[in-house]
Amino acid sequence: MQLSSRQYDQLERAITDGTRLAIMRRGTEYLVIPERLRLVNGREVIVARHPSTGQHLELVLDELDSMELVK
C-alpha cells in the first residue's frame, strides 16, 4: 500500500492524538492505536498497540491493504 499525503496526515494525527486506526492486511482487520512510525531496513513500520489487550504490533506499510481512521 502506498499512502497518499492525506493518509500520512491522518496517520500522524492518529499517532499524536491516540486515535484508533482500522487496518486491513491479508484479509485480517486490525483495530489499533498507533504509537509511532519508524523505518526498518528501508521499510516504514507502524508501531501500534491493541486498544483492549495492550499487545504491541508492528505493521509494515507496504504489506497493508487499507487503512482508515476510526472516529
N, C-alpha and C. Protein backbone atom coordinates (compact mmCIF):
# COMPACT_ATOMS: atom_id res chain seq x y z
N MET A 1 0.84 -1.17 0.00
CA MET A 1 0.00 0.00 0.00
C MET A 1 0.89 1.24 0.00
N GLN A 2 0.60 2.16 -0.86
CA GLN A 2 1.29 3.44 -0.91
C GLN A 2 0.35 4.50 -0.33
N LEU A 3 0.77 5.19 0.71
CA LEU A 3 -0.09 6.19 1.35
C LEU A 3 -0.06 7.50 0.59
N SER A 4 -1.22 8.14 0.53
CA SER A 4 -1.31 9.47 -0.04
C SER A 4 -0.90 10.49 1.02
N SER A 5 -0.75 11.73 0.62
CA SER A 5 -0.41 12.79 1.59
C SER A 5 -1.48 12.90 2.66
N ARG A 6 -2.72 12.77 2.26
CA ARG A 6 -3.85 12.84 3.20
C ARG A 6 -3.78 11.71 4.22
N GLN A 7 -3.45 10.50 3.76
CA GLN A 7 -3.36 9.35 4.65
C GLN A 7 -2.17 9.49 5.61
N TYR A 8 -1.05 10.04 5.14
CA TYR A 8 0.07 10.30 6.04
C TYR A 8 -0.33 11.30 7.11
N ASP A 9 -1.07 12.33 6.72
CA ASP A 9 -1.55 13.32 7.68
C ASP A 9 -2.46 12.66 8.72
N GLN A 10 -3.36 11.78 8.26
CA GLN A 10 -4.26 11.06 9.18
C GLN A 10 -3.46 10.18 10.13
N LEU A 11 -2.46 9.48 9.60
CA LEU A 11 -1.63 8.61 10.43
C LEU A 11 -0.87 9.43 11.47
N GLU A 12 -0.28 10.53 11.06
CA GLU A 12 0.45 11.38 12.01
C GLU A 12 -0.49 11.95 13.07
N ARG A 13 -1.68 12.34 12.68
CA ARG A 13 -2.67 12.87 13.63
C ARG A 13 -3.11 11.77 14.60
N ALA A 14 -3.30 10.55 14.09
CA ALA A 14 -3.69 9.43 14.95
C ALA A 14 -2.61 9.12 15.98
N ILE A 15 -1.35 9.21 15.56
CA ILE A 15 -0.24 8.99 16.49
C ILE A 15 -0.23 10.06 17.57
N THR A 16 -0.40 11.30 17.16
CA THR A 16 -0.37 12.43 18.10
C THR A 16 -1.54 12.39 19.07
N ASP A 17 -2.75 12.10 18.55
CA ASP A 17 -3.97 12.15 19.37
C ASP A 17 -4.32 10.82 20.04
N GLY A 18 -3.67 9.73 19.64
CA GLY A 18 -4.02 8.42 20.18
C GLY A 18 -5.32 7.88 19.62
N THR A 19 -5.64 8.27 18.39
CA THR A 19 -6.86 7.84 17.71
C THR A 19 -6.68 6.46 17.11
N ARG A 20 -7.73 5.70 17.07
CA ARG A 20 -7.67 4.33 16.54
C ARG A 20 -7.64 4.31 15.01
N LEU A 21 -6.99 3.27 14.49
CA LEU A 21 -6.96 3.02 13.06
C LEU A 21 -7.50 1.62 12.80
N ALA A 22 -8.25 1.48 11.72
CA ALA A 22 -8.67 0.16 11.24
C ALA A 22 -7.76 -0.16 10.06
N ILE A 23 -6.99 -1.22 10.19
CA ILE A 23 -6.01 -1.60 9.18
C ILE A 23 -6.35 -2.98 8.66
N MET A 24 -6.38 -3.13 7.33
CA MET A 24 -6.58 -4.43 6.70
C MET A 24 -5.24 -4.92 6.15
N ARG A 25 -4.91 -6.17 6.50
CA ARG A 25 -3.68 -6.78 5.98
C ARG A 25 -3.94 -8.26 5.75
N ARG A 26 -3.81 -8.68 4.52
CA ARG A 26 -4.00 -10.09 4.14
C ARG A 26 -5.34 -10.64 4.60
N GLY A 27 -6.40 -9.83 4.48
CA GLY A 27 -7.74 -10.28 4.81
C GLY A 27 -8.10 -10.21 6.29
N THR A 28 -7.21 -9.73 7.12
CA THR A 28 -7.46 -9.60 8.55
C THR A 28 -7.53 -8.13 8.91
N GLU A 29 -8.56 -7.77 9.69
CA GLU A 29 -8.68 -6.38 10.13
C GLU A 29 -8.08 -6.23 11.52
N TYR A 30 -7.26 -5.22 11.67
CA TYR A 30 -6.64 -4.89 12.95
C TYR A 30 -7.16 -3.52 13.39
N LEU A 31 -7.68 -3.44 14.58
CA LEU A 31 -8.06 -2.17 15.17
C LEU A 31 -6.97 -1.84 16.18
N VAL A 32 -6.19 -0.78 15.91
CA VAL A 32 -5.01 -0.48 16.71
C VAL A 32 -4.93 1.00 17.05
N ILE A 33 -4.13 1.30 18.04
CA ILE A 33 -3.77 2.67 18.38
C ILE A 33 -2.30 2.84 18.00
N PRO A 34 -2.02 3.63 16.97
CA PRO A 34 -0.63 3.79 16.54
C PRO A 34 0.16 4.63 17.55
N GLU A 35 1.40 4.23 17.78
CA GLU A 35 2.26 4.95 18.72
C GLU A 35 3.38 5.70 18.03
N ARG A 36 3.88 5.15 16.94
CA ARG A 36 4.93 5.84 16.19
C ARG A 36 5.10 5.20 14.82
N LEU A 37 5.80 5.89 13.96
CA LEU A 37 6.14 5.42 12.63
C LEU A 37 7.66 5.38 12.58
N ARG A 38 8.22 4.25 12.17
CA ARG A 38 9.68 4.15 12.12
C ARG A 38 10.12 3.44 10.85
N LEU A 39 11.38 3.52 10.56
CA LEU A 39 11.97 2.92 9.38
C LEU A 39 12.81 1.72 9.79
N VAL A 40 12.54 0.56 9.19
CA VAL A 40 13.28 -0.67 9.47
C VAL A 40 13.73 -1.26 8.14
N ASN A 41 15.03 -1.30 7.93
CA ASN A 41 15.59 -1.82 6.68
C ASN A 41 14.97 -1.16 5.45
N GLY A 42 14.75 0.14 5.52
CA GLY A 42 14.21 0.88 4.39
C GLY A 42 12.70 0.77 4.22
N ARG A 43 12.01 0.13 5.15
CA ARG A 43 10.56 -0.03 5.09
C ARG A 43 9.92 0.70 6.26
N GLU A 44 8.80 1.39 5.99
CA GLU A 44 8.09 2.11 7.04
C GLU A 44 7.23 1.14 7.85
N VAL A 45 7.30 1.26 9.17
CA VAL A 45 6.59 0.37 10.07
C VAL A 45 5.77 1.20 11.05
N ILE A 46 4.49 0.84 11.20
CA ILE A 46 3.65 1.45 12.21
C ILE A 46 3.79 0.62 13.48
N VAL A 47 4.26 1.24 14.54
CA VAL A 47 4.34 0.59 15.85
C VAL A 47 3.04 0.97 16.56
N ALA A 48 2.26 -0.05 16.92
CA ALA A 48 0.93 0.20 17.48
C ALA A 48 0.66 -0.76 18.62
N ARG A 49 -0.47 -0.53 19.30
CA ARG A 49 -0.91 -1.46 20.34
C ARG A 49 -2.40 -1.71 20.20
N HIS A 50 -2.81 -2.88 20.63
CA HIS A 50 -4.23 -3.24 20.61
C HIS A 50 -4.92 -2.46 21.72
N PRO A 51 -6.08 -1.84 21.43
CA PRO A 51 -6.72 -0.99 22.44
C PRO A 51 -7.23 -1.72 23.68
N SER A 52 -7.56 -3.00 23.56
CA SER A 52 -8.09 -3.75 24.71
C SER A 52 -7.02 -4.48 25.50
N THR A 53 -6.14 -5.16 24.78
CA THR A 53 -5.14 -6.00 25.45
C THR A 53 -3.82 -5.29 25.70
N GLY A 54 -3.54 -4.24 24.94
CA GLY A 54 -2.28 -3.54 25.07
C GLY A 54 -1.13 -4.22 24.34
N GLN A 55 -1.43 -5.32 23.63
CA GLN A 55 -0.40 -6.05 22.90
C GLN A 55 0.20 -5.15 21.82
N HIS A 56 1.53 -5.17 21.72
CA HIS A 56 2.23 -4.36 20.72
C HIS A 56 2.27 -5.08 19.38
N LEU A 57 2.07 -4.31 18.30
CA LEU A 57 2.10 -4.83 16.94
C LEU A 57 3.00 -3.94 16.10
N GLU A 58 3.65 -4.52 15.14
CA GLU A 58 4.41 -3.76 14.16
C GLU A 58 3.88 -4.13 12.79
N LEU A 59 3.32 -3.14 12.10
CA LEU A 59 2.68 -3.37 10.81
C LEU A 59 3.47 -2.62 9.73
N VAL A 60 3.98 -3.36 8.76
CA VAL A 60 4.77 -2.77 7.68
C VAL A 60 3.82 -2.14 6.67
N LEU A 61 4.06 -0.87 6.36
CA LEU A 61 3.14 -0.13 5.49
C LEU A 61 2.96 -0.77 4.13
N ASP A 62 4.02 -1.27 3.52
CA ASP A 62 3.86 -1.82 2.17
C ASP A 62 3.18 -3.19 2.15
N GLU A 63 2.85 -3.74 3.32
CA GLU A 63 2.10 -5.00 3.39
C GLU A 63 0.61 -4.76 3.65
N LEU A 64 0.20 -3.51 3.88
CA LEU A 64 -1.18 -3.21 4.20
C LEU A 64 -2.05 -3.13 2.96
N ASP A 65 -3.30 -3.57 3.10
CA ASP A 65 -4.27 -3.46 2.02
C ASP A 65 -5.03 -2.14 2.10
N SER A 66 -5.36 -1.72 3.32
CA SER A 66 -6.07 -0.44 3.51
C SER A 66 -5.88 0.05 4.94
N MET A 67 -6.17 1.33 5.11
CA MET A 67 -6.06 1.95 6.42
C MET A 67 -7.10 3.06 6.52
N GLU A 68 -7.86 3.06 7.62
CA GLU A 68 -8.87 4.09 7.84
C GLU A 68 -8.83 4.57 9.27
N LEU A 69 -9.05 5.85 9.43
CA LEU A 69 -9.14 6.46 10.74
C LEU A 69 -10.49 6.13 11.34
N VAL A 70 -10.53 5.70 12.60
CA VAL A 70 -11.78 5.37 13.29
C VAL A 70 -12.08 6.53 14.23
N LYS A 71 -13.21 7.17 14.02
CA LYS A 71 -13.57 8.33 14.85
C LYS A 71 -14.52 7.95 15.93
